[in-house]
Amino acid sequence: MRKLPESTVLAADYFQSYSVVGLLALVGVLFVAVAFGAGRLLRPVVPTPEKLLTYECGVDPVGEGWAHTQVRYYVYAFLYVIFAVDSIFLFPWATVFAEAGYGATTLVEMFIFLGFLAVGILYAWKKGVLTWT
């Protein structure tokens, strides 16, 4: 019996592991497709004017369906994300900073990171984003 080279055996194992992932992804897609198809086939379709009416929170719609949203709320959300990322970055930094030999490097990295954060906050402050109206 002829023995296969080791590289061929490793390649076969490599592609077999990806075939399992691909098969699992295919099963997931089929499951979702079957669920949506069954829902479409089994649901009753009885459109009435009340069902086709825009509805939110039990309040009858008045006026247009389009509402204007002020941009500043998105800016506040963006600033929150900046501070959340900052706090998430601080915890691993504090643990590495305590290790021997990493003090100066991590301290410089943290000041660079805080500098970028400060530039962003100064820009927001200069544009008047941080004033609540």
C-alpha atoms as a PDB file:
ATOM      1  CA  MET A   1       0.000   0.000   0.000  1.00  0.00           C
ATOM      2  CA  ARG A   2       1.316   3.439  -0.957  1.00  0.00           C
ATOM      3  CA  LYS A   3       1.741   5.933   1.856  1.00  0.00           C
ATOM      4  CA  LEU A   4       0.586   9.536   1.213  1.00  0.00           C
ATOM      5  CA  PRO A   5       2.976  12.393   1.960  1.00  0.00           C
ATOM      6  CA  GLU A   6       2.388  14.124   5.279  1.00  0.00           C
ATOM      7  CA  SER A   7       1.592  17.450   3.587  1.00  0.00           C
ATOM      8  CA  THR A   8      -1.292  15.804   1.701  1.00  0.00           C
ATOM      9  CA  VAL A   9      -2.684  14.377   4.937  1.00  0.00           C
ATOM     10  CA  LEU A  10      -2.417  17.774   6.671  1.00  0.00           C
ATOM     11  CA  ALA A  11      -4.143  19.504   3.738  1.00  0.00           C
ATOM     12  CA  ALA A  12      -6.962  16.955   3.850  1.00  0.00           C
ATOM     13  CA  ASP A  13      -7.454  17.552   7.582  1.00  0.00           C
ATOM     14  CA  TYR A  14      -7.339  21.310   6.990  1.00  0.00           C
ATOM     15  CA  PHE A  15     -10.055  21.261   4.329  1.00  0.00           C
ATOM     16  CA  GLN A  16     -12.135  18.761   6.285  1.00  0.00           C
ATOM     17  CA  SER A  17     -12.335  21.175   9.223  1.00  0.00           C
ATOM     18  CA  TYR A  18     -13.517  23.941   6.877  1.00  0.00           C
ATOM     19  CA  SER A  19     -16.038  21.616   5.276  1.00  0.00           C
ATOM     20  CA  VAL A  20     -17.621  21.098   8.701  1.00  0.00           C
ATOM     21  CA  VAL A  21     -17.905  24.887   9.153  1.00  0.00           C
ATOM     22  CA  GLY A  22     -19.368  25.245   5.642  1.00  0.00           C
ATOM     23  CA  LEU A  23     -21.866  22.458   6.259  1.00  0.00           C
ATOM     24  CA  LEU A  24     -22.938  24.070   9.542  1.00  0.00           C
ATOM     25  CA  ALA A  25     -23.393  27.436   7.797  1.00  0.00           C
ATOM     26  CA  LEU A  26     -25.465  25.768   5.078  1.00  0.00           C
ATOM     27  CA  VAL A  27     -27.676  24.063   7.674  1.00  0.00           C
ATOM     28  CA  GLY A  28     -28.165  27.417   9.413  1.00  0.00           C
ATOM     29  CA  VAL A  29     -29.154  29.173   6.185  1.00  0.00           C
ATOM     30  CA  LEU A  30     -31.547  26.348   5.278  1.00  0.00           C
ATOM     31  CA  PHE A  31     -33.105  26.455   8.754  1.00  0.00           C
ATOM     32  CA  VAL A  32     -33.794  30.185   8.454  1.00  0.00           C
ATOM     33  CA  ALA A  33     -35.127  29.806   4.886  1.00  0.00           C
ATOM     34  CA  VAL A  34     -37.472  26.979   5.906  1.00  0.00           C
ATOM     35  CA  ALA A  35     -38.704  28.931   8.944  1.00  0.00           C
ATOM     36  CA  PHE A  36     -39.476  32.033   6.859  1.00  0.00           C
ATOM     37  CA  GLY A  37     -41.087  29.934   4.126  1.00  0.00           C
ATOM     38  CA  ALA A  38     -43.276  28.082   6.615  1.00  0.00           C
ATOM     39  CA  GLY A  39     -44.312  31.360   8.201  1.00  0.00           C
ATOM     40  CA  ARG A  40     -45.270  32.788   4.838  1.00  0.00           C
ATOM     41  CA  LEU A  41     -47.295  29.701   3.901  1.00  0.00           C
ATOM     42  CA  LEU A  42     -49.079  29.250   7.231  1.00  0.00           C
ATOM     43  CA  ARG A  43     -49.999  32.816   8.167  1.00  0.00           C
ATOM     44  CA  PRO A  44     -53.436  34.188   7.365  1.00  0.00           C
ATOM     45  CA  VAL A  45     -53.449  37.049   4.881  1.00  0.00           C
ATOM     46  CA  VAL A  46     -56.420  39.316   5.549  1.00  0.00           C
ATOM     47  CA  PRO A  47     -55.435  42.930   4.853  1.00  0.00           C
ATOM     48  CA  THR A  48     -57.722  45.569   6.323  1.00  0.00           C
ATOM     49  CA  PRO A  49     -57.310  49.347   6.395  1.00  0.00           C
ATOM     50  CA  GLU A  50     -56.574  49.175  10.129  1.00  0.00           C
ATOM     51  CA  LYS A  51     -53.785  46.657   9.593  1.00  0.00           C
ATOM     52  CA  LEU A  52     -52.210  48.739   6.856  1.00  0.00           C
ATOM     53  CA  LEU A  53     -52.222  51.869   9.027  1.00  0.00           C
ATOM     54  CA  THR A  54     -48.938  53.060  10.544  1.00  0.00           C
ATOM     55  CA  TYR A  55     -49.068  52.245  14.241  1.00  0.00           C
ATOM     56  CA  GLU A  56     -46.753  53.000  17.109  1.00  0.00           C
ATOM     57  CA  CYS A  57     -47.269  52.726  20.863  1.00  0.00           C
ATOM     58  CA  GLY A  58     -51.060  52.700  20.684  1.00  0.00           C
ATOM     59  CA  VAL A  59     -51.240  56.262  19.356  1.00  0.00           C
ATOM     60  CA  ASP A  60     -53.147  56.965  16.162  1.00  0.00           C
ATOM     61  CA  PRO A  61     -50.847  58.473  13.546  1.00  0.00           C
ATOM     62  CA  VAL A  62     -51.247  62.180  12.903  1.00  0.00           C
ATOM     63  CA  GLY A  63     -49.415  64.104  10.206  1.00  0.00           C
ATOM     64  CA  GLU A  64     -46.634  62.795   7.995  1.00  0.00           C
ATOM     65  CA  GLY A  65     -44.796  59.556   8.503  1.00  0.00           C
ATOM     66  CA  TRP A  66     -41.425  61.279   8.346  1.00  0.00           C
ATOM     67  CA  ALA A  67     -40.009  62.862  11.472  1.00  0.00           C
ATOM     68  CA  HIS A  68     -36.933  65.014  11.736  1.00  0.00           C
ATOM     69  CA  THR A  69     -34.317  63.867  14.226  1.00  0.00           C
ATOM     70  CA  GLN A  70     -31.654  66.231  15.401  1.00  0.00           C
ATOM     71  CA  VAL A  71     -28.088  65.210  14.689  1.00  0.00           C
ATOM     72  CA  ARG A  72     -26.871  66.099  18.164  1.00  0.00           C
ATOM     73  CA  TYR A  73     -28.391  62.916  19.615  1.00  0.00           C
ATOM     74  CA  TYR A  74     -26.193  60.860  17.323  1.00  0.00           C
ATOM     75  CA  VAL A  75     -23.206  62.915  18.377  1.00  0.00           C
ATOM     76  CA  TYR A  76     -23.961  62.173  22.050  1.00  0.00           C
ATOM     77  CA  ALA A  77     -24.169  58.480  21.214  1.00  0.00           C
ATOM     78  CA  PHE A  78     -20.861  58.714  19.371  1.00  0.00           C
ATOM     79  CA  LEU A  79     -19.213  60.441  22.321  1.00  0.00           C
ATOM     80  CA  TYR A  80     -20.532  57.694  24.601  1.00  0.00           C
ATOM     81  CA  VAL A  81     -18.962  55.070  22.350  1.00  0.00           C
ATOM     82  CA  ILE A  82     -15.651  56.927  22.504  1.00  0.00           C
ATOM     83  CA  PHE A  83     -15.682  56.929  26.307  1.00  0.00           C
ATOM     84  CA  ALA A  84     -16.808  53.284  26.435  1.00  0.00           C
ATOM     85  CA  VAL A  85     -13.902  52.235  24.214  1.00  0.00           C
ATOM     86  CA  ASP A  86     -11.593  54.316  26.374  1.00  0.00           C
ATOM     87  CA  SER A  87     -12.718  52.572  29.541  1.00  0.00           C
ATOM     88  CA  ILE A  88     -12.460  49.139  27.918  1.00  0.00           C
ATOM     89  CA  PHE A  89      -8.897  49.958  26.871  1.00  0.00           C
ATOM     90  CA  LEU A  90      -7.923  51.095  30.360  1.00  0.00           C
ATOM     91  CA  PHE A  91      -8.518  47.759  32.118  1.00  0.00           C
ATOM     92  CA  PRO A  92      -6.066  45.641  30.097  1.00  0.00           C
ATOM     93  CA  TRP A  93      -3.618  48.543  30.132  1.00  0.00           C
ATOM     94  CA  ALA A  94      -3.702  48.620  33.933  1.00  0.00           C
ATOM     95  CA  THR A  95      -2.957  44.894  34.150  1.00  0.00           C
ATOM     96  CA  VAL A  96      -0.068  45.071  31.662  1.00  0.00           C
ATOM     97  CA  PHE A  97       1.305  48.205  33.310  1.00  0.00           C
ATOM     98  CA  ALA A  98       1.747  46.228  36.516  1.00  0.00           C
ATOM     99  CA  GLU A  99       3.959  43.630  34.776  1.00  0.00           C
ATOM    100  CA  ALA A 100       7.715  43.994  35.076  1.00  0.00           C
ATOM    101  CA  GLY A 101       9.413  45.492  32.029  1.00  0.00           C
ATOM    102  CA  TYR A 102       6.287  46.911  30.395  1.00  0.00           C
ATOM    103  CA  GLY A 103       5.840  50.088  32.444  1.00  0.00           C
ATOM    104  CA  ALA A 104       7.417  52.732  30.190  1.00  0.00           C
ATOM    105  CA  THR A 105       6.103  51.276  26.933  1.00  0.00           C
ATOM    106  CA  THR A 106       2.523  50.988  28.117  1.00  0.00           C
ATOM    107  CA  LEU A 107       2.668  54.429  29.709  1.00  0.00           C
ATOM    108  CA  VAL A 108       3.705  55.997  26.380  1.00  0.00           C
ATOM    109  CA  GLU A 109       1.009  54.034  24.530  1.00  0.00           C
ATOM    110  CA  MET A 110      -1.624  55.207  26.995  1.00  0.00           C
ATOM    111  CA  PHE A 111      -0.600  58.854  26.623  1.00  0.00           C
ATOM    112  CA  ILE A 112      -0.797  58.526  22.836  1.00  0.00           C
ATOM    113  CA  PHE A 113      -4.263  56.999  23.126  1.00  0.00           C
ATOM    114  CA  LEU A 114      -5.427  59.668  25.578  1.00  0.00           C
ATOM    115  CA  GLY A 115      -3.991  62.319  23.250  1.00  0.00           C
ATOM    116  CA  PHE A 116      -6.158  61.060  20.384  1.00  0.00           C
ATOM    117  CA  LEU A 117      -9.148  61.033  22.722  1.00  0.00           C
ATOM    118  CA  ALA A 118      -8.380  64.574  23.908  1.00  0.00           C
ATOM    119  CA  VAL A 119      -8.157  65.830  20.312  1.00  0.00           C
ATOM    120  CA  GLY A 120     -11.597  64.370  19.630  1.00  0.00           C
ATOM    121  CA  ILE A 121     -13.090  65.929  22.743  1.00  0.00           C
ATOM    122  CA  LEU A 122     -11.506  69.317  21.992  1.00  0.00           C
ATOM    123  CA  TYR A 123     -12.902  69.182  18.469  1.00  0.00           C
ATOM    124  CA  ALA A 124     -16.382  68.390  19.806  1.00  0.00           C
ATOM    125  CA  TRP A 125     -16.082  71.192  22.365  1.00  0.00           C
ATOM    126  CA  LYS A 126     -14.925  73.693  19.725  1.00  0.00           C
ATOM    127  CA  LYS A 127     -17.874  72.801  17.478  1.00  0.00           C
ATOM    128  CA  GLY A 128     -20.270  73.383  20.404  1.00  0.00           C
ATOM    129  CA  VAL A 129     -21.450  69.797  20.552  1.00  0.00           C
ATOM    130  CA  LEU A 130     -20.993  69.492  24.294  1.00  0.00           C
ATOM    131  CA  THR A 131     -23.375  72.356  25.136  1.00  0.00           C
ATOM    132  CA  TRP A 132     -26.857  71.166  25.936  1.00  0.00           C
ATOM    133  CA  THR A 133     -29.581  73.331  24.363  1.00  0.00           C
END
